[in-house]
């Protein structure tokens, strides 16, 4: 049977065992390809991995790759392509899905060996800084007795006897007087410290309990955050907006996708904007708010630049698109099925929301009528099925920053949108598509007085 190179990562504990027992133990933990693969199988069959298909695939791939080529190195690029089905030329620097899952995998392995795998003779590690699996034998998990600190109180350096150690040392009168007032002070400090700990503990418990509570829009978020599907948040591309303004025209999604592959003469500034990935502070704040939702499945959550998104992501994943088609061109994939559509004329500096099929009492267009510091703005929140009809896409777009902020505030608060989400639920319990048109006041860069002015459903 082929032997596998064992990469020693941590020093093994020194065990005091009889010679015969030591030889038996050494034979029982020999690492071979067979028992290494058997160890992987046991891990994947455990409750820690049985319901985590991507983590299981991750562990299986790096385990097999490390066994097949012990001297080689498993790369992030390989894992992204083989496990997460990314394109061969995808950029790991922009797409952090492998690093996110690696952190989760290390935590799952640690939890497994602390529970179900406590008696495993072979331990599998994936040391930080790489993705190569390390197989190491575990001869015995040693439990150390707590050590006792002995204080030498004899003048000649020898340990004092039990009797002499039990006798209190003589204290000068001044020390005794200090002790009389110091003891009540220490007792008071102890009580004060205990009280502080109780108060802080209660506050922490309340905060933790609040964090565990589902958000008001729980029925919506559970459609977007799932343990068996990736969820990708895509902020707006500010460079894309600037390029359209510089050229006085709107660029299509096809042009946007082809920029890296088309060789053409561009002004230096234009070339720079096409190559960079920028977003706004407002969108970063929105991403942070989304990431803190209790429904988020952290092992399946990632943030992707609009330049790095692919059509495959819209086919297979749940996606949150932040920004209108003017700042996030992927929105145009879903606009043909939407009633409230973002329109813009870069040359004239105009942007508005088109109401394709106005109902009685509704306007055909919604546009900010003033450029002053205080004005009315509009936004759209839309939930659609992804292209593969296997997941959902949430679109959050505003005519300007305050409009987008108004939409995000409404999503985070949830109470106003909850009746609309409930109306969109189908008879089978799944959630259908819907659109919401919002109006908000703008005071500087802040949204005020947000209200829902129109809604649509598409079961």
Foldseek 3Di string as FASTA:
>chain_A
DDAADFDDDDDADDDDDDPVLVVVLVVVLGDHPVVLVVVLVVLCPDPLNVLQVLLNLLCVVLSVVCRVPVVDFDAPLNCCCPRVVDDNPADCVQWVLSVLLLVVSQVSLVVCCVPVVVPPQWGWHQDPPGGHIGIDGHSDDDDDDDDDDADADDPVRDRDDPVVVPDDDDDDPVVVVCVVVVVVVVVVVVVVVVVVVVVVVVVVVVVVVVLQDAALQNQVVLQAADSVFAEEEEAFFVLLLVLCLVVQHHDAPVCLLCVVPDDDDDDPVNNVSSPDGDHDPLRVVLVVLVCSGSRHPSSRYYYGYLNNDDLVCLQGHEYEYEAACSGRVVVVVVVVVDQWHWDDGSNVGFIWTARNDDDPPDDRIGGWPDPDQKTKWKWKWKWAQGPNNPGIYIYTYIPDQQRSVLSSVCVRNNPQCNVVQVVQQDPVRHGFIKMWMWMFIGRRNHTHDIDTDDMDYDD
